[in-house]
Amino acid sequence: MRLTITAFLVVFLIFSPLFHVLADETQDSYGSIADYLNRIYGIDNNAGLTAFPVLNIPLGGRSEGMIAFAAISDDVSFLEFNPAGSAMLEKTELAFFHNNWIADTKIEGIAFATRFGNFGLAGGAKLLYMPFTEYNIYGERVSNGYYSEGAAILNVSYNMFSGYYFSGLSLGLNIKGAFRVMPDFTDNFDNIISGSGMSQSAVMAMADIGILTRFNLFKMYSSREKNASFALVARNLGPPALDEPLPTVFSAAVSYKPIRPLAIAFDFNLPFNLTDYTLSELPYAALGLSVNITNFLSMRGGFMYKAGSSRVSVGSAVSLNKIAVDVNYTLDLLTQLQPLNRVSLGIRFDLGDRGRSHATNRVEELYLLGLEAYSYGNHADAKLCWEEALRLNPRYDPAREGLAMIVNREDLTQRIEDLYRLDF
């Protein structure tokens, strides 16, 4: 317990520059943080040139708490970080999200993901909305409504070459649609311009592609799960909307679990302006940590290093039976240090694994029965057990190796018998 808590506190050491700023009570918290980070990391002159900011705001959950998540992608919040995640998802999940963003802006979201063998399917949607009100010089309301943006995602992925020793290489695709709705606004004489909001509204289609693989690397504990992963992702690939490019980003990511309770993730992101690459934003990176304190309580933290828009996030999840509640608090240059500002809430429902764990247990039981039969020299029964194991899971390599061992032994026995007959 002491080790896991100590590991989690490493998150706060990463954020130590912020703590020095917050300790300065003579300055406004928001202003001092923004000024300090801008002096360290600089300002990106190409920031803010892309459309649909809703695409850059995560729904919530573990992915928002860690910020770096493309290589982990182990729950339904993978949907916005790596489309390859669904083919490696352990459980079918349904999640609902609520996110308090800047000022009165809210984000509501829903996501669902499931897996059929090596095929993964998922879908989700989110809506950003904020009040839009215009007043004239006399303080009279002349226009009102809601500015809103939304996005819908359909996901499919397939895990190739998976087996007992290799988790496979998952390829994923997201097809996404986004919209923006602007209320009508007024002219210089406080007259509402009919259709003005529609002229600024837009609808756009785009795609994400990603790959994900997991493997063991310097693993110092016993577990079936792989302790390292690697991912490549391209997000928001599509044409411009009203001459504004989409926030296209190419990412390379890794994650590593040096011990069972602790996961470390790192994402390197390269924004790319598809209409004019010279106007692309500067590269940025994110580091995330996650610690399982107990079987039902986990904590996480993340830090995104980005010129002019760095972000800090901390969060926790409580899992009770088949329901998990995720809460995150995020501080960036758009928000102030206030108790309820930039808080996101997620509720995930575990809908089961479609019988995969039962099938896995049965396959392993058959394999062990085969080993026992083989050890007693009953090769026929061992062969039957291992063939049945492979029927249930054709990629269970130990059973295949056992059958090969029987075949090799039979071949060797036959050669010995042939030699014996030649001698006489």
Protein backbone atom coordinates (compact mmCIF):
# COMPACT_ATOMS: atom_id res chain seq x y z
CA MET A 1 0.00 0.00 0.00
CA ARG A 2 2.77 2.41 0.95
CA LEU A 3 4.53 1.71 -2.37
CA THR A 4 1.44 2.40 -4.47
CA ILE A 5 0.68 5.67 -2.67
CA THR A 6 4.29 6.74 -3.09
CA ALA A 7 4.12 5.97 -6.80
CA PHE A 8 0.98 8.04 -7.19
CA LEU A 9 2.60 11.01 -5.47
CA VAL A 10 5.11 11.10 -8.34
CA VAL A 11 2.32 12.77 -10.31
CA PHE A 12 2.47 15.75 -8.04
CA LEU A 13 6.23 16.04 -8.37
CA ILE A 14 5.66 16.42 -12.11
CA PHE A 15 3.38 19.35 -11.37
CA SER A 16 5.76 21.07 -8.95
CA PRO A 17 6.16 24.24 -11.09
CA LEU A 18 2.44 24.84 -10.65
CA PHE A 19 2.66 24.48 -6.91
CA HIS A 20 5.37 27.14 -6.73
CA VAL A 21 3.11 29.51 -8.61
CA LEU A 22 0.07 28.75 -6.49
CA ALA A 23 2.10 29.44 -3.39
CA ASP A 24 2.46 33.05 -4.49
CA GLU A 25 -0.60 34.58 -2.81
CA THR A 26 0.17 38.05 -4.12
CA GLN A 27 -0.95 37.09 -7.65
CA ASP A 28 -4.22 35.92 -9.14
CA SER A 29 -4.09 32.10 -9.45
CA TYR A 30 -5.35 31.91 -13.00
CA GLY A 31 -3.16 34.72 -14.27
CA SER A 32 -0.02 33.49 -12.53
CA ILE A 33 -0.38 29.94 -13.83
CA ALA A 34 -0.97 31.10 -17.39
CA ASP A 35 1.88 33.60 -17.30
CA TYR A 36 4.30 31.16 -15.71
CA LEU A 37 3.63 28.33 -18.15
CA ASN A 38 3.74 30.67 -21.13
CA ARG A 39 7.16 31.92 -20.03
CA ILE A 40 8.43 28.33 -19.76
CA TYR A 41 6.82 26.70 -22.78
CA GLY A 42 6.19 29.68 -25.04
CA ILE A 43 3.13 30.49 -27.12
CA ASP A 44 2.03 28.67 -30.26
CA ASN A 45 1.25 31.27 -32.92
CA ASN A 46 -0.75 28.69 -34.90
CA ALA A 47 -3.01 27.70 -32.01
CA GLY A 48 -6.74 28.15 -32.48
CA LEU A 49 -6.75 27.90 -36.29
CA THR A 50 -8.73 24.64 -36.41
CA ALA A 51 -12.48 24.05 -36.30
CA PHE A 52 -14.63 21.97 -33.95
CA PRO A 53 -12.92 22.35 -30.55
CA VAL A 54 -15.33 19.70 -29.24
CA LEU A 55 -13.02 17.15 -30.91
CA ASN A 56 -10.17 18.19 -28.59
CA ILE A 57 -12.13 17.89 -25.35
CA PRO A 58 -12.27 14.32 -23.99
CA LEU A 59 -15.55 12.89 -22.78
CA GLY A 60 -14.10 12.02 -19.38
CA GLY A 61 -13.25 8.89 -17.47
CA ARG A 62 -9.82 7.35 -17.00
CA SER A 63 -8.55 8.74 -20.31
CA GLU A 64 -9.11 12.34 -19.26
CA GLY A 65 -7.59 11.75 -15.84
CA MET A 66 -4.39 10.32 -17.33
CA ILE A 67 -4.41 12.56 -20.46
CA ALA A 68 -1.92 10.11 -22.05
CA PHE A 69 -4.09 7.14 -23.00
CA ALA A 70 -3.56 6.05 -26.62
CA ALA A 71 -1.37 3.06 -25.67
CA ILE A 72 -3.49 2.00 -22.70
CA SER A 73 -7.00 2.08 -24.20
CA ASP A 74 -8.34 -0.53 -21.77
CA ASP A 75 -11.83 0.85 -21.14
CA VAL A 76 -14.59 2.44 -23.19
CA SER A 77 -12.97 5.88 -23.03
CA PHE A 78 -10.44 4.59 -25.59
CA LEU A 79 -12.95 5.73 -28.24
CA GLU A 80 -11.43 9.21 -28.61
CA PHE A 81 -7.80 8.19 -28.18
CA ASN A 82 -7.23 5.01 -30.20
CA PRO A 83 -9.84 3.27 -32.38
CA ALA A 84 -7.86 0.01 -32.15
CA GLY A 85 -8.81 -0.40 -28.50
CA SER A 86 -12.15 -2.15 -29.00
CA ALA A 87 -10.60 -5.36 -30.37
CA MET A 88 -8.62 -5.79 -27.12
CA LEU A 89 -11.33 -4.69 -24.68
CA GLU A 90 -11.88 -7.16 -21.85
CA LYS A 91 -15.50 -6.32 -21.05
CA THR A 92 -18.53 -4.90 -22.81
CA GLU A 93 -19.03 -1.41 -21.38
CA LEU A 94 -21.65 1.32 -21.46
CA ALA A 95 -20.72 4.74 -20.08
CA PHE A 96 -22.31 8.14 -19.54
CA PHE A 97 -20.29 11.32 -19.10
CA HIS A 98 -20.85 14.86 -17.89
CA ASN A 99 -18.16 17.54 -18.14
CA ASN A 100 -18.22 21.05 -16.69
CA TRP A 101 -15.99 23.01 -19.03
CA ILE A 102 -15.27 26.76 -19.14
CA ALA A 103 -17.86 29.28 -17.89
CA ASP A 104 -21.35 27.85 -18.51
CA THR A 105 -20.21 25.37 -21.13
CA LYS A 106 -21.25 21.76 -20.57
CA ILE A 107 -20.44 18.54 -22.39
CA GLU A 108 -22.67 15.46 -22.26
CA GLY A 109 -21.58 12.12 -23.68
CA ILE A 110 -22.36 8.45 -24.07
CA ALA A 111 -20.17 5.55 -25.26
CA PHE A 112 -20.62 1.81 -25.78
CA ALA A 113 -18.05 -0.83 -26.73
CA THR A 114 -18.09 -4.60 -27.10
CA ARG A 115 -16.02 -7.40 -28.63
CA PHE A 116 -16.85 -10.54 -30.61
CA GLY A 117 -13.73 -12.67 -30.57
CA ASN A 118 -11.11 -10.60 -32.40
CA PHE A 119 -13.63 -8.07 -33.71
CA GLY A 120 -14.34 -4.92 -31.72
CA LEU A 121 -17.29 -2.59 -32.18
CA ALA A 122 -18.05 0.68 -30.45
CA GLY A 123 -20.03 3.86 -30.79
CA GLY A 124 -20.45 7.12 -28.97
CA ALA A 125 -21.64 10.69 -29.13
CA LYS A 126 -21.09 13.93 -27.29
CA LEU A 127 -22.66 17.37 -27.24
CA LEU A 128 -21.07 20.66 -26.22
CA TYR A 129 -23.44 23.55 -25.54
CA MET A 130 -23.24 27.02 -24.05
CA PRO A 131 -25.64 29.97 -23.73
CA PHE A 132 -25.37 32.55 -26.51
CA THR A 133 -26.82 35.97 -25.63
CA GLU A 134 -26.38 39.41 -27.21
CA TYR A 135 -27.20 42.70 -25.50
CA ASN A 136 -27.41 46.15 -27.07
CA ILE A 137 -25.77 49.27 -25.66
CA TYR A 138 -28.80 49.77 -23.38
CA GLY A 139 -28.44 46.35 -21.78
CA GLU A 140 -31.46 44.93 -23.56
CA ARG A 141 -31.37 41.35 -24.78
CA VAL A 142 -31.60 41.28 -28.56
CA SER A 143 -30.54 37.74 -29.38
CA ASN A 144 -30.26 34.52 -27.43
CA GLY A 145 -30.01 30.78 -27.87
CA TYR A 146 -27.35 28.11 -27.55
CA TYR A 147 -24.10 27.66 -29.39
CA SER A 148 -23.55 23.93 -29.72
CA GLU A 149 -21.14 21.44 -31.22
CA GLY A 150 -21.52 17.70 -31.36
CA ALA A 151 -19.79 14.61 -32.63
CA ALA A 152 -20.82 11.00 -33.25
CA ILE A 153 -18.40 8.08 -33.58
CA LEU A 154 -18.77 4.60 -35.07
CA ASN A 155 -15.87 2.25 -34.42
CA VAL A 156 -14.67 -1.08 -35.76
CA SER A 157 -11.38 -2.88 -35.13
CA TYR A 158 -9.78 -6.28 -35.66
CA ASN A 159 -7.00 -7.98 -33.73
CA MET A 160 -4.65 -9.95 -36.00
CA PHE A 161 -2.12 -12.66 -35.07
CA SER A 162 -3.28 -12.91 -31.45
CA GLY A 163 -2.23 -15.99 -29.50
CA TYR A 164 -1.14 -17.20 -26.10
CA TYR A 165 2.27 -15.52 -26.24
CA PHE A 166 1.45 -12.52 -28.45
CA SER A 167 -1.59 -10.34 -27.80
CA GLY A 168 -1.82 -9.51 -31.50
CA LEU A 169 -1.83 -6.35 -33.57
CA SER A 170 -5.12 -4.50 -33.46
CA LEU A 171 -6.15 -2.22 -36.33
CA GLY A 172 -8.99 0.22 -35.72
CA LEU A 173 -11.09 2.74 -37.62
CA ASN A 174 -13.42 5.48 -36.40
CA ILE A 175 -15.91 7.12 -38.75
CA LYS A 176 -16.93 10.42 -37.22
CA GLY A 177 -19.43 13.12 -37.96
CA ALA A 178 -19.44 16.55 -36.34
CA PHE A 179 -21.76 19.55 -36.46
CA ARG A 180 -21.75 23.15 -35.28
CA VAL A 181 -24.90 25.23 -34.73
CA MET A 182 -24.70 28.98 -34.24
CA PRO A 183 -27.78 31.07 -33.32
CA ASP A 184 -28.63 34.13 -35.44
CA PHE A 185 -26.77 37.26 -34.40
CA THR A 186 -27.31 40.99 -34.94
CA ASP A 187 -25.87 43.67 -37.18
CA ASN A 188 -24.43 47.02 -36.08
CA PHE A 189 -27.95 48.35 -35.56
CA ASP A 190 -29.05 45.55 -33.20
CA ASN A 191 -31.21 43.93 -35.85
CA ILE A 192 -31.13 40.15 -35.97
CA ILE A 193 -29.71 38.98 -39.29
CA SER A 194 -31.91 36.16 -40.49
CA GLY A 195 -29.83 33.12 -41.41
CA SER A 196 -26.61 34.58 -40.00
CA GLY A 197 -26.22 31.69 -37.57
CA MET A 198 -26.72 29.15 -40.33
CA SER A 199 -23.94 30.79 -42.36
CA GLN A 200 -21.52 29.98 -39.52
CA SER A 201 -22.91 26.51 -38.85
CA ALA A 202 -21.26 23.46 -40.40
CA VAL A 203 -21.40 19.69 -40.76
CA MET A 204 -18.27 17.63 -41.30
CA ALA A 205 -17.17 13.99 -41.68
CA MET A 206 -13.77 12.64 -40.69
CA ALA A 207 -11.95 9.46 -39.66
CA ASP A 208 -9.47 8.14 -37.09
CA ILE A 209 -7.14 5.21 -37.67
CA GLY A 210 -4.96 3.47 -35.13
CA ILE A 211 -2.90 0.40 -34.26
CA LEU A 212 -2.28 -1.12 -30.85
CA THR A 213 -0.17 -4.00 -29.59
CA ARG A 214 0.66 -5.31 -26.14
CA PHE A 215 3.66 -7.34 -25.00
CA ASN A 216 5.78 -8.20 -21.97
CA LEU A 217 8.85 -6.09 -21.25
CA PHE A 218 11.06 -6.58 -18.17
CA LYS A 219 8.09 -8.04 -16.35
CA MET A 220 8.85 -8.67 -12.70
CA TYR A 221 5.49 -10.01 -11.56
CA SER A 222 3.23 -12.91 -12.50
CA SER A 223 0.14 -12.02 -14.50
CA ARG A 224 -1.63 -13.02 -17.70
CA GLU A 225 -1.90 -9.44 -18.89
CA LYS A 226 0.93 -7.90 -20.87
CA ASN A 227 2.74 -5.11 -19.04
CA ALA A 228 3.72 -2.89 -22.00
CA SER A 229 1.99 -1.53 -25.08
CA PHE A 230 2.64 0.60 -28.14
CA ALA A 231 0.26 2.59 -30.34
CA LEU A 232 0.18 4.76 -33.44
CA VAL A 233 -2.89 6.90 -34.12
CA ALA A 234 -4.06 9.48 -36.67
CA ARG A 235 -7.11 11.44 -35.52
CA ASN A 236 -9.53 13.76 -37.30
CA LEU A 237 -8.52 13.09 -40.89
CA GLY A 238 -10.86 15.03 -43.16
CA PRO A 239 -11.42 18.07 -45.37
CA PRO A 240 -11.78 21.60 -43.93
CA ALA A 241 -15.10 22.99 -42.68
CA LEU A 242 -15.89 26.48 -44.05
CA ASP A 243 -12.19 26.81 -44.95
CA GLU A 244 -11.19 25.94 -41.38
CA PRO A 245 -9.02 22.81 -41.02
CA LEU A 246 -9.91 20.05 -38.61
CA PRO A 247 -7.67 19.45 -35.55
CA THR A 248 -5.74 16.60 -37.20
CA VAL A 249 -3.18 14.95 -34.89
CA PHE A 250 -0.70 12.10 -35.38
CA SER A 251 0.29 10.32 -32.16
CA ALA A 252 2.85 7.78 -31.02
CA ALA A 253 2.33 6.32 -27.56
CA VAL A 254 3.77 3.80 -25.11
CA SER A 255 2.70 2.48 -21.72
CA TYR A 256 4.45 0.36 -19.13
CA LYS A 257 3.58 -1.33 -15.85
CA PRO A 258 6.79 -1.86 -13.83
CA ILE A 259 4.71 -3.32 -10.99
CA ARG A 260 1.17 -4.65 -11.00
CA PRO A 261 -0.65 -1.62 -9.46
CA LEU A 262 1.21 1.12 -11.38
CA ALA A 263 0.75 2.11 -15.03
CA ILE A 264 2.80 4.81 -16.75
CA ALA A 265 1.82 6.22 -20.15
CA PHE A 266 3.43 8.65 -22.56
CA ASP A 267 1.92 10.18 -25.70
CA PHE A 268 3.76 12.28 -28.27
CA ASN A 269 1.41 14.27 -30.50
CA LEU A 270 2.13 16.00 -33.79
CA PRO A 271 -0.65 18.34 -35.01
CA PHE A 272 -0.87 18.68 -38.78
CA ASN A 273 -2.80 21.32 -40.70
CA LEU A 274 -4.04 19.46 -43.76
CA THR A 275 -4.76 22.67 -45.70
CA ASP A 276 -1.38 24.32 -45.03
CA TYR A 277 1.24 22.37 -43.08
CA THR A 278 3.18 25.58 -42.32
CA LEU A 279 0.25 26.59 -40.08
CA SER A 280 0.43 23.41 -38.03
CA GLU A 281 0.58 23.75 -34.27
CA LEU A 282 3.72 22.81 -32.36
CA PRO A 283 4.21 19.20 -31.19
CA TYR A 284 3.18 18.43 -27.64
CA ALA A 285 3.43 15.53 -25.20
CA ALA A 286 1.51 14.05 -22.28
CA LEU A 287 2.50 11.90 -19.34
CA GLY A 288 0.01 9.94 -17.25
CA LEU A 289 0.10 7.72 -14.16
CA SER A 290 -2.51 5.36 -12.79
CA VAL A 291 -2.37 3.51 -9.46
CA ASN A 292 -4.70 0.82 -8.16
CA ILE A 293 -4.91 1.50 -4.43
CA THR A 294 -7.29 -1.39 -3.76
CA ASN A 295 -9.46 -3.69 -5.87
CA PHE A 296 -12.19 -1.06 -5.91
CA LEU A 297 -10.24 2.23 -5.74
CA SER A 298 -7.82 3.65 -8.28
CA MET A 299 -6.23 7.05 -8.72
CA ARG A 300 -4.67 8.75 -11.72
CA GLY A 301 -2.99 11.95 -12.80
CA GLY A 302 -1.71 13.47 -16.00
CA PHE A 303 0.28 16.39 -17.34
CA MET A 304 0.18 17.69 -20.90
CA TYR A 305 3.11 19.78 -22.06
CA LYS A 306 1.74 22.08 -24.78
CA ALA A 307 2.88 25.56 -25.77
CA GLY A 308 0.33 28.06 -24.53
CA SER A 309 -2.14 25.39 -23.40
CA SER A 310 -0.61 23.01 -20.86
CA ARG A 311 -2.96 20.96 -18.73
CA VAL A 312 -2.94 19.20 -15.38
CA SER A 313 -5.47 16.56 -14.38
CA VAL A 314 -6.09 14.39 -11.32
CA GLY A 315 -8.86 11.89 -10.75
CA SER A 316 -10.11 8.76 -9.11
CA ALA A 317 -12.43 5.83 -9.82
CA VAL A 318 -14.48 3.71 -7.45
CA SER A 319 -15.68 0.33 -8.73
CA LEU A 320 -18.60 -1.30 -6.95
CA ASN A 321 -19.78 -4.63 -8.34
CA LYS A 322 -20.31 -3.87 -12.05
CA ILE A 323 -20.49 -0.07 -11.82
CA ALA A 324 -17.49 2.28 -11.81
CA VAL A 325 -17.68 6.01 -11.06
CA ASP A 326 -14.89 8.21 -12.47
CA VAL A 327 -14.29 11.76 -11.24
CA ASN A 328 -11.61 14.05 -12.69
CA TYR A 329 -10.47 17.58 -12.02
CA THR A 330 -8.57 19.40 -14.77
CA LEU A 331 -6.70 22.68 -14.64
CA ASP A 332 -5.59 24.30 -17.87
CA LEU A 333 -5.13 27.82 -19.20
CA LEU A 334 -8.83 28.16 -19.98
CA THR A 335 -10.03 27.49 -16.46
CA GLN A 336 -9.58 28.89 -12.98
CA LEU A 337 -8.65 27.06 -9.81
CA GLN A 338 -12.16 26.63 -8.42
CA PRO A 339 -13.76 23.62 -6.69
CA LEU A 340 -16.40 22.81 -9.32
CA ASN A 341 -14.80 24.23 -12.44
CA ARG A 342 -13.58 21.71 -15.06
CA VAL A 343 -14.88 18.68 -13.19
CA SER A 344 -15.97 15.66 -15.20
CA LEU A 345 -18.06 12.73 -14.04
CA GLY A 346 -18.31 9.34 -15.73
CA ILE A 347 -20.35 6.26 -14.88
CA ARG A 348 -19.32 2.97 -16.52
CA PHE A 349 -21.42 -0.19 -16.52
CA ASP A 350 -19.72 -3.58 -16.88
CA LEU A 351 -22.00 -5.65 -19.13
CA GLY A 352 -19.91 -8.82 -19.04
CA ASP A 353 -17.39 -10.42 -21.36
CA ARG A 354 -19.71 -12.52 -23.56
CA GLY A 355 -18.50 -15.72 -21.91
CA ARG A 356 -14.82 -15.24 -22.79
CA SER A 357 -13.54 -15.85 -19.25
CA HIS A 358 -15.58 -19.06 -18.95
CA ALA A 359 -14.24 -20.29 -22.30
CA THR A 360 -10.67 -19.39 -21.28
CA ASN A 361 -11.00 -21.32 -18.01
CA ARG A 362 -12.35 -24.35 -19.88
CA VAL A 363 -9.48 -24.26 -22.38
CA GLU A 364 -6.91 -24.11 -19.58
CA GLU A 365 -8.66 -26.93 -17.74
CA LEU A 366 -8.48 -29.11 -20.86
CA TYR A 367 -4.81 -28.26 -21.32
CA LEU A 368 -3.98 -29.29 -17.75
CA LEU A 369 -5.95 -32.52 -18.14
CA GLY A 370 -3.94 -33.22 -21.28
CA LEU A 371 -0.68 -32.61 -19.43
CA GLU A 372 -1.74 -35.01 -16.69
CA ALA A 373 -2.68 -37.69 -19.22
CA TYR A 374 0.60 -37.21 -21.08
CA SER A 375 2.61 -37.51 -17.88
CA TYR A 376 1.06 -40.96 -17.32
CA GLY A 377 1.85 -42.00 -20.86
CA ASN A 378 -1.79 -41.84 -21.99
CA HIS A 379 -1.10 -40.01 -25.22
CA ALA A 380 -4.48 -40.73 -26.79
CA ASP A 381 -6.38 -38.97 -23.98
CA ALA A 382 -3.87 -36.09 -23.98
CA LYS A 383 -4.39 -35.68 -27.70
CA LEU A 384 -8.18 -35.59 -27.28
CA CYS A 385 -7.94 -32.94 -24.55
CA TRP A 386 -5.61 -30.70 -26.53
CA GLU A 387 -7.63 -31.04 -29.73
CA GLU A 388 -10.77 -29.99 -27.82
CA ALA A 389 -8.87 -27.04 -26.33
CA LEU A 390 -7.89 -25.92 -29.82
CA ARG A 391 -11.44 -26.34 -31.03
CA LEU A 392 -12.56 -23.88 -28.36
CA ASN A 393 -9.59 -21.55 -28.93
CA PRO A 394 -7.64 -22.17 -32.16
CA ARG A 395 -4.95 -19.74 -31.01
CA TYR A 396 -4.12 -21.44 -27.72
CA ASP A 397 -0.46 -22.12 -28.46
CA PRO A 398 0.39 -24.45 -25.50
CA ALA A 399 -2.19 -27.03 -26.70
CA ARG A 400 -0.78 -26.79 -30.23
CA GLU A 401 2.72 -27.35 -28.84
CA GLY A 402 1.45 -30.36 -26.89
CA LEU A 403 0.00 -31.93 -30.04
CA ALA A 404 3.26 -31.28 -31.88
CA MET A 405 5.11 -33.00 -29.04
CA ILE A 406 2.89 -36.07 -29.40
CA VAL A 407 3.36 -36.15 -33.17
CA ASN A 408 7.14 -35.82 -32.81
CA ARG A 409 7.17 -38.62 -30.22
CA GLU A 410 5.10 -40.87 -32.49
CA ASP A 411 7.41 -40.13 -35.43
CA LEU A 412 10.45 -40.93 -33.31
CA THR A 413 8.86 -44.17 -32.12
CA GLN A 414 8.05 -45.16 -35.71
CA ARG A 415 11.62 -44.47 -36.89
CA ILE A 416 12.99 -46.58 -34.05
CA GLU A 417 10.66 -49.44 -34.97
CA ASP A 418 11.66 -49.15 -38.65
CA LEU A 419 15.34 -49.32 -37.72
CA TYR A 420 14.69 -52.31 -35.51
CA ARG A 421 13.02 -54.19 -38.39
CA LEU A 422 15.93 -53.40 -40.73
CA ASP A 423 18.39 -54.83 -38.25
CA PHE A 424 16.61 -58.16 -38.31
